[in-house]
């Protein structure tokens, strides 16, 4: 699962993301991840405890989790995104612990056995997966969704570079290498429909995986 990702996000990346969010990137996406909603409806998402949202962006998933009663830590490298997320939280009267942070450095400071739920959606960082799994409490849930590399003829949304996509089977292989026991709750790779910012429907190629850390 080599994506060529560095171990930290440089200043240029921070500035690029700040500029994108300042220009209105993802401003129309108020709805939470369809995958999170599915797991919540299936009673997989915990009803209480601490949650961590890695690379939270404008915070739509963090706010959804907070509305369910979870105590949420939400991290993103973009100060602009965090500021916009915090303003939205105030308007919705929800409390989230927003942190502007280089998420790729989490491997050096992420506490173990702490979170009932960890999510990382549409952000490729294979070096974080062992630490995210270790950060779960026994019985805790890890939810991953990434853009999937796709060779089909279908037109798909998302990044054009495979640097920001995972290959088939990558998530499973990376997690199997971690010396922490877990059970697979849900796994999927393929095409899904999803709403675009303009209200139309597009198709995305995604890899999804939901696992539960073993209780022993």
C-alpha atoms as a PDB file:
ATOM      1  CA  UNK A   1       0.000   0.000   0.000  1.00  0.00           C
ATOM      2  CA  UNK A   2       2.708   2.417  -1.006  1.00  0.00           C
ATOM      3  CA  UNK A   3       1.124   5.746  -1.905  1.00  0.00           C
ATOM      4  CA  UNK A   4       4.285   7.795  -1.747  1.00  0.00           C
ATOM      5  CA  UNK A   5       2.854   9.748   1.182  1.00  0.00           C
ATOM      6  CA  UNK A   6       5.431  11.571   3.336  1.00  0.00           C
ATOM      7  CA  UNK A   7       5.473  11.248   7.108  1.00  0.00           C
ATOM      8  CA  UNK A   8       4.262  14.821   7.536  1.00  0.00           C
ATOM      9  CA  UNK A   9       2.385  17.461   5.580  1.00  0.00           C
ATOM     10  CA  UNK A  10       4.581  20.311   4.389  1.00  0.00           C
ATOM     11  CA  UNK A  11       3.752  24.008   4.389  1.00  0.00           C
ATOM     12  CA  UNK A  12       2.777  23.995   0.714  1.00  0.00           C
ATOM     13  CA  UNK A  13       0.165  21.303   1.366  1.00  0.00           C
ATOM     14  CA  UNK A  14      -1.242  23.281   4.283  1.00  0.00           C
ATOM     15  CA  UNK A  15      -1.453  26.411   2.162  1.00  0.00           C
ATOM     16  CA  UNK A  16      -3.058  24.504  -0.714  1.00  0.00           C
ATOM     17  CA  UNK A  17      -5.780  23.085   1.508  1.00  0.00           C
ATOM     18  CA  UNK A  18      -6.340  26.432   3.212  1.00  0.00           C
ATOM     19  CA  UNK A  19      -6.775  28.045  -0.207  1.00  0.00           C
ATOM     20  CA  UNK A  20      -9.225  25.371  -1.325  1.00  0.00           C
ATOM     21  CA  UNK A  21     -11.384  25.698   1.767  1.00  0.00           C
ATOM     22  CA  UNK A  22     -11.203  29.478   1.606  1.00  0.00           C
ATOM     23  CA  UNK A  23     -12.498  29.264  -1.971  1.00  0.00           C
ATOM     24  CA  UNK A  24     -15.467  27.188  -0.821  1.00  0.00           C
ATOM     25  CA  UNK A  25     -14.355  23.585  -1.312  1.00  0.00           C
ATOM     26  CA  UNK A  26     -16.972  21.115  -0.028  1.00  0.00           C
ATOM     27  CA  UNK A  27     -19.126  23.969   1.279  1.00  0.00           C
ATOM     28  CA  UNK A  28     -22.256  22.362  -0.169  1.00  0.00           C
ATOM     29  CA  UNK A  29     -21.641  18.959   1.420  1.00  0.00           C
ATOM     30  CA  UNK A  30     -23.601  19.246   4.640  1.00  0.00           C
ATOM     31  CA  UNK A  31     -24.645  15.593   4.737  1.00  0.00           C
ATOM     32  CA  UNK A  32     -22.552  13.007   6.605  1.00  0.00           C
ATOM     33  CA  UNK A  33     -20.887  10.069   4.898  1.00  0.00           C
ATOM     34  CA  UNK A  34     -23.399   7.588   3.517  1.00  0.00           C
ATOM     35  CA  UNK A  35     -21.201   4.810   4.896  1.00  0.00           C
ATOM     36  CA  UNK A  36     -21.338   6.240   8.407  1.00  0.00           C
ATOM     37  CA  UNK A  37     -25.094   6.598   8.158  1.00  0.00           C
ATOM     38  CA  UNK A  38     -25.398   2.991   6.998  1.00  0.00           C
ATOM     39  CA  UNK A  39     -23.295   1.739   9.903  1.00  0.00           C
ATOM     40  CA  UNK A  40     -25.275   3.852  12.348  1.00  0.00           C
ATOM     41  CA  UNK A  41     -28.547   2.419  11.041  1.00  0.00           C
ATOM     42  CA  UNK A  42     -27.063  -1.073  11.385  1.00  0.00           C
ATOM     43  CA  UNK A  43     -26.241  -0.265  15.041  1.00  0.00           C
ATOM     44  CA  UNK A  44     -22.495  -0.596  14.493  1.00  0.00           C
ATOM     45  CA  UNK A  45     -21.562   2.950  15.565  1.00  0.00           C
ATOM     46  CA  UNK A  46     -21.170   3.235  19.364  1.00  0.00           C
ATOM     47  CA  UNK A  47     -23.785   5.257  21.241  1.00  0.00           C
ATOM     48  CA  UNK A  48     -21.315   6.789  23.694  1.00  0.00           C
ATOM     49  CA  UNK A  49     -17.624   7.233  24.414  1.00  0.00           C
ATOM     50  CA  UNK A  50     -14.845   9.043  22.610  1.00  0.00           C
ATOM     51  CA  UNK A  51     -14.500   9.243  18.834  1.00  0.00           C
ATOM     52  CA  UNK A  52     -11.674  10.425  16.587  1.00  0.00           C
ATOM     53  CA  UNK A  53     -12.188  11.869  13.092  1.00  0.00           C
ATOM     54  CA  UNK A  54      -8.882  11.917  11.187  1.00  0.00           C
ATOM     55  CA  UNK A  55      -8.653  14.542   8.405  1.00  0.00           C
ATOM     56  CA  UNK A  56     -12.090  15.898   9.276  1.00  0.00           C
ATOM     57  CA  UNK A  57     -12.179  18.734   6.716  1.00  0.00           C
ATOM     58  CA  UNK A  58     -15.181  20.999   7.291  1.00  0.00           C
ATOM     59  CA  UNK A  59     -16.413  18.584   9.944  1.00  0.00           C
ATOM     60  CA  UNK A  60     -19.596  17.119   8.495  1.00  0.00           C
ATOM     61  CA  UNK A  61     -18.850  13.639   9.877  1.00  0.00           C
ATOM     62  CA  UNK A  62     -17.583  14.959  13.201  1.00  0.00           C
ATOM     63  CA  UNK A  63     -20.833  16.878  13.663  1.00  0.00           C
ATOM     64  CA  UNK A  64     -22.878  13.798  12.798  1.00  0.00           C
ATOM     65  CA  UNK A  65     -21.035  11.767  15.431  1.00  0.00           C
ATOM     66  CA  UNK A  66     -21.435  14.531  18.013  1.00  0.00           C
ATOM     67  CA  UNK A  67     -25.181  14.597  17.296  1.00  0.00           C
ATOM     68  CA  UNK A  68     -25.276  10.891  18.220  1.00  0.00           C
ATOM     69  CA  UNK A  69     -23.845  11.665  21.653  1.00  0.00           C
ATOM     70  CA  UNK A  70     -20.179  10.809  21.108  1.00  0.00           C
ATOM     71  CA  UNK A  71     -17.362  12.969  22.479  1.00  0.00           C
ATOM     72  CA  UNK A  72     -15.487  13.810  19.285  1.00  0.00           C
ATOM     73  CA  UNK A  73     -11.880  14.819  18.644  1.00  0.00           C
ATOM     74  CA  UNK A  74     -11.607  16.130  15.074  1.00  0.00           C
ATOM     75  CA  UNK A  75      -8.263  16.819  13.383  1.00  0.00           C
ATOM     76  CA  UNK A  76      -7.321  18.467  10.121  1.00  0.00           C
ATOM     77  CA  UNK A  77      -4.222  20.193   8.743  1.00  0.00           C
ATOM     78  CA  UNK A  78      -6.214  23.171   7.423  1.00  0.00           C
ATOM     79  CA  UNK A  79      -6.839  25.992   9.878  1.00  0.00           C
ATOM     80  CA  UNK A  80      -9.441  27.389   7.488  1.00  0.00           C
ATOM     81  CA  UNK A  81     -11.384  24.113   7.470  1.00  0.00           C
ATOM     82  CA  UNK A  82     -11.241  23.873  11.256  1.00  0.00           C
ATOM     83  CA  UNK A  83     -12.496  27.435  11.650  1.00  0.00           C
ATOM     84  CA  UNK A  84     -15.421  26.791   9.312  1.00  0.00           C
ATOM     85  CA  UNK A  85     -16.233  23.533  11.090  1.00  0.00           C
ATOM     86  CA  UNK A  86     -16.190  25.274  14.473  1.00  0.00           C
ATOM     87  CA  UNK A  87     -18.586  27.952  13.237  1.00  0.00           C
ATOM     88  CA  UNK A  88     -20.974  25.283  11.952  1.00  0.00           C
ATOM     89  CA  UNK A  89     -20.826  23.484  15.289  1.00  0.00           C
ATOM     90  CA  UNK A  90     -21.786  26.678  17.114  1.00  0.00           C
ATOM     91  CA  UNK A  91     -24.770  27.133  14.806  1.00  0.00           C
ATOM     92  CA  UNK A  92     -25.897  23.562  15.441  1.00  0.00           C
ATOM     93  CA  UNK A  93     -25.206  23.793  19.193  1.00  0.00           C
ATOM     94  CA  UNK A  94     -22.861  20.812  19.048  1.00  0.00           C
ATOM     95  CA  UNK A  95     -19.588  20.415  20.891  1.00  0.00           C
ATOM     96  CA  UNK A  96     -16.518  19.011  19.129  1.00  0.00           C
ATOM     97  CA  UNK A  97     -12.863  19.206  20.139  1.00  0.00           C
ATOM     98  CA  UNK A  98     -11.477  20.745  16.926  1.00  0.00           C
ATOM     99  CA  UNK A  99      -7.707  20.549  16.445  1.00  0.00           C
ATOM    100  CA  UNK A 100      -5.610  22.008  13.632  1.00  0.00           C
ATOM    101  CA  UNK A 101      -2.896  19.392  13.357  1.00  0.00           C
ATOM    102  CA  UNK A 102      -0.671  17.540  10.916  1.00  0.00           C
ATOM    103  CA  UNK A 103      -2.561  14.254  10.985  1.00  0.00           C
ATOM    104  CA  UNK A 104       0.367  12.350   9.485  1.00  0.00           C
ATOM    105  CA  UNK A 105       2.254  12.951  12.727  1.00  0.00           C
ATOM    106  CA  UNK A 106      -0.400  11.129  14.762  1.00  0.00           C
ATOM    107  CA  UNK A 107       1.756   8.015  14.815  1.00  0.00           C
ATOM    108  CA  UNK A 108       4.086   9.817  17.222  1.00  0.00           C
ATOM    109  CA  UNK A 109       1.455  10.949  19.732  1.00  0.00           C
ATOM    110  CA  UNK A 110      -1.806   9.043  19.386  1.00  0.00           C
ATOM    111  CA  UNK A 111      -2.905   7.524  22.717  1.00  0.00           C
ATOM    112  CA  UNK A 112      -3.608   3.805  22.871  1.00  0.00           C
ATOM    113  CA  UNK A 113      -6.793   2.118  24.107  1.00  0.00           C
ATOM    114  CA  UNK A 114      -8.698   5.411  24.113  1.00  0.00           C
ATOM    115  CA  UNK A 115     -11.412   5.650  21.450  1.00  0.00           C
ATOM    116  CA  UNK A 116     -14.668   3.748  21.046  1.00  0.00           C
ATOM    117  CA  UNK A 117     -14.696   4.856  17.406  1.00  0.00           C
ATOM    118  CA  UNK A 118     -12.063   6.049  14.933  1.00  0.00           C
ATOM    119  CA  UNK A 119     -12.897   7.143  11.387  1.00  0.00           C
ATOM    120  CA  UNK A 120     -10.643   8.043   8.464  1.00  0.00           C
ATOM    121  CA  UNK A 121     -12.598   8.819   5.319  1.00  0.00           C
ATOM    122  CA  UNK A 122     -11.187   9.726   1.898  1.00  0.00           C
ATOM    123  CA  UNK A 123      -7.674  10.373   3.262  1.00  0.00           C
ATOM    124  CA  UNK A 124      -4.929   7.925   2.267  1.00  0.00           C
ATOM    125  CA  UNK A 125      -2.392   7.422   5.053  1.00  0.00           C
ATOM    126  CA  UNK A 126      -1.388   3.746   5.327  1.00  0.00           C
ATOM    127  CA  UNK A 127       1.272   4.536   7.910  1.00  0.00           C
ATOM    128  CA  UNK A 128      -1.475   5.581  10.346  1.00  0.00           C
ATOM    129  CA  UNK A 129      -3.519   2.378  10.222  1.00  0.00           C
ATOM    130  CA  UNK A 130      -1.549   0.486  12.915  1.00  0.00           C
ATOM    131  CA  UNK A 131      -1.813   3.424  15.311  1.00  0.00           C
ATOM    132  CA  UNK A 132      -5.499   3.945  14.607  1.00  0.00           C
ATOM    133  CA  UNK A 133      -6.217   0.313  15.423  1.00  0.00           C
ATOM    134  CA  UNK A 134      -4.135   0.529  18.599  1.00  0.00           C
ATOM    135  CA  UNK A 135      -5.957   3.722  19.606  1.00  0.00           C
ATOM    136  CA  UNK A 136      -9.239   1.813  19.901  1.00  0.00           C
ATOM    137  CA  UNK A 137     -10.512   0.493  23.183  1.00  0.00           C
ATOM    138  CA  UNK A 138     -11.192  -3.255  23.197  1.00  0.00           C
ATOM    139  CA  UNK A 139     -14.418  -3.645  21.256  1.00  0.00           C
ATOM    140  CA  UNK A 140     -13.881  -0.269  19.561  1.00  0.00           C
ATOM    141  CA  UNK A 141     -14.730   0.303  15.899  1.00  0.00           C
ATOM    142  CA  UNK A 142     -12.506   1.561  13.072  1.00  0.00           C
ATOM    143  CA  UNK A 143     -14.216   2.868   9.927  1.00  0.00           C
ATOM    144  CA  UNK A 144     -12.236   3.426   6.732  1.00  0.00           C
ATOM    145  CA  UNK A 145     -13.321   4.625   3.313  1.00  0.00           C
ATOM    146  CA  UNK A 146     -10.882   5.467   0.532  1.00  0.00           C
ATOM    147  CA  UNK A 147     -11.046   6.222  -3.163  1.00  0.00           C
ATOM    148  CA  UNK A 148     -10.240   2.987  -4.997  1.00  0.00           C
ATOM    149  CA  UNK A 149      -7.974   2.634  -8.016  1.00  0.00           C
ATOM    150  CA  UNK A 150     -10.239   1.796 -10.931  1.00  0.00           C
ATOM    151  CA  UNK A 151      -9.431   0.557 -14.436  1.00  0.00           C
ATOM    152  CA  UNK A 152     -12.985   0.235 -15.690  1.00  0.00           C
ATOM    153  CA  UNK A 153     -14.480   2.252 -18.515  1.00  0.00           C
ATOM    154  CA  UNK A 154     -16.911   3.996 -16.175  1.00  0.00           C
ATOM    155  CA  UNK A 155     -16.440   7.650 -15.456  1.00  0.00           C
ATOM    156  CA  UNK A 156     -15.851   8.118 -11.748  1.00  0.00           C
ATOM    157  CA  UNK A 157     -15.551  11.067  -9.398  1.00  0.00           C
ATOM    158  CA  UNK A 158     -12.643  11.853  -7.128  1.00  0.00           C
ATOM    159  CA  UNK A 159      -8.900  12.326  -7.565  1.00  0.00           C
ATOM    160  CA  UNK A 160      -7.303  11.669 -10.935  1.00  0.00           C
ATOM    161  CA  UNK A 161      -3.997  10.520  -9.409  1.00  0.00           C
ATOM    162  CA  UNK A 162      -3.603   7.033  -7.941  1.00  0.00           C
ATOM    163  CA  UNK A 163      -1.452   8.636  -5.260  1.00  0.00           C
ATOM    164  CA  UNK A 164      -4.737   9.471  -3.543  1.00  0.00           C
ATOM    165  CA  UNK A 165      -6.358   6.100  -4.163  1.00  0.00           C
ATOM    166  CA  UNK A 166      -5.783   2.636  -2.733  1.00  0.00           C
ATOM    167  CA  UNK A 167      -5.398  -0.573  -4.725  1.00  0.00           C
ATOM    168  CA  UNK A 168      -7.839  -3.442  -4.286  1.00  0.00           C
ATOM    169  CA  UNK A 169      -7.145  -5.353  -1.065  1.00  0.00           C
ATOM    170  CA  UNK A 170      -4.765  -2.754   0.356  1.00  0.00           C
ATOM    171  CA  UNK A 171      -6.775  -1.898   3.465  1.00  0.00           C
ATOM    172  CA  UNK A 172      -7.167  -5.533   4.445  1.00  0.00           C
ATOM    173  CA  UNK A 173      -3.488  -6.342   3.860  1.00  0.00           C
ATOM    174  CA  UNK A 174      -2.291  -3.357   5.857  1.00  0.00           C
ATOM    175  CA  UNK A 175      -4.517  -4.134   8.832  1.00  0.00           C
ATOM    176  CA  UNK A 176      -3.637  -7.834   8.846  1.00  0.00           C
ATOM    177  CA  UNK A 177      -0.009  -6.842   9.426  1.00  0.00           C
ATOM    178  CA  UNK A 178      -0.883  -5.116  12.724  1.00  0.00           C
ATOM    179  CA  UNK A 179      -0.330  -7.177  15.857  1.00  0.00           C
ATOM    180  CA  UNK A 180      -3.792  -6.356  17.217  1.00  0.00           C
ATOM    181  CA  UNK A 181      -6.730  -8.720  16.906  1.00  0.00           C
ATOM    182  CA  UNK A 182      -9.910  -7.596  15.174  1.00  0.00           C
ATOM    183  CA  UNK A 183     -13.045  -8.844  13.465  1.00  0.00           C
ATOM    184  CA  UNK A 184     -14.262  -7.579  10.093  1.00  0.00           C
ATOM    185  CA  UNK A 185     -17.753  -6.104  10.435  1.00  0.00           C
ATOM    186  CA  UNK A 186     -18.151  -4.890   6.853  1.00  0.00           C
ATOM    187  CA  UNK A 187     -16.004  -4.753   3.714  1.00  0.00           C
ATOM    188  CA  UNK A 188     -16.690  -3.516   0.191  1.00  0.00           C
ATOM    189  CA  UNK A 189     -14.764  -2.509  -2.923  1.00  0.00           C
ATOM    190  CA  UNK A 190     -16.455  -1.192  -6.041  1.00  0.00           C
ATOM    191  CA  UNK A 191     -18.668   1.520  -7.475  1.00  0.00           C
ATOM    192  CA  UNK A 192     -21.234   3.458  -5.471  1.00  0.00           C
ATOM    193  CA  UNK A 193     -23.611   6.295  -6.362  1.00  0.00           C
ATOM    194  CA  UNK A 194     -23.145   9.481  -4.387  1.00  0.00           C
ATOM    195  CA  UNK A 195     -24.518  13.030  -4.578  1.00  0.00           C
ATOM    196  CA  UNK A 196     -22.425  15.723  -6.205  1.00  0.00           C
ATOM    197  CA  UNK A 197     -22.220  19.296  -4.960  1.00  0.00           C
ATOM    198  CA  UNK A 198     -24.597  20.462  -7.702  1.00  0.00           C
ATOM    199  CA  UNK A 199     -27.302  18.030  -6.625  1.00  0.00           C
ATOM    200  CA  UNK A 200     -26.726  15.480  -9.367  1.00  0.00           C
ATOM    201  CA  UNK A 201     -25.662  11.889  -8.780  1.00  0.00           C
ATOM    202  CA  UNK A 202     -22.191  10.624  -9.701  1.00  0.00           C
ATOM    203  CA  UNK A 203     -20.366   7.342  -9.235  1.00  0.00           C
ATOM    204  CA  UNK A 204     -17.318   6.839  -7.069  1.00  0.00           C
ATOM    205  CA  UNK A 205     -14.963   3.880  -6.788  1.00  0.00           C
ATOM    206  CA  UNK A 206     -14.353   3.207  -3.108  1.00  0.00           C
ATOM    207  CA  UNK A 207     -12.784   0.750  -0.712  1.00  0.00           C
ATOM    208  CA  UNK A 208     -14.695   0.497   2.559  1.00  0.00           C
ATOM    209  CA  UNK A 209     -13.788  -1.416   5.664  1.00  0.00           C
ATOM    210  CA  UNK A 210     -15.268  -1.505   9.140  1.00  0.00           C
ATOM    211  CA  UNK A 211     -13.568  -3.556  11.830  1.00  0.00           C
ATOM    212  CA  UNK A 212     -14.050  -4.143  15.551  1.00  0.00           C
ATOM    213  CA  UNK A 213     -11.028  -4.512  17.789  1.00  0.00           C
ATOM    214  CA  UNK A 214     -10.999  -7.763  19.717  1.00  0.00           C
ATOM    215  CA  UNK A 215     -12.046  -7.488  23.345  1.00  0.00           C
ATOM    216  CA  UNK A 216      -9.119  -9.617  24.505  1.00  0.00           C
END
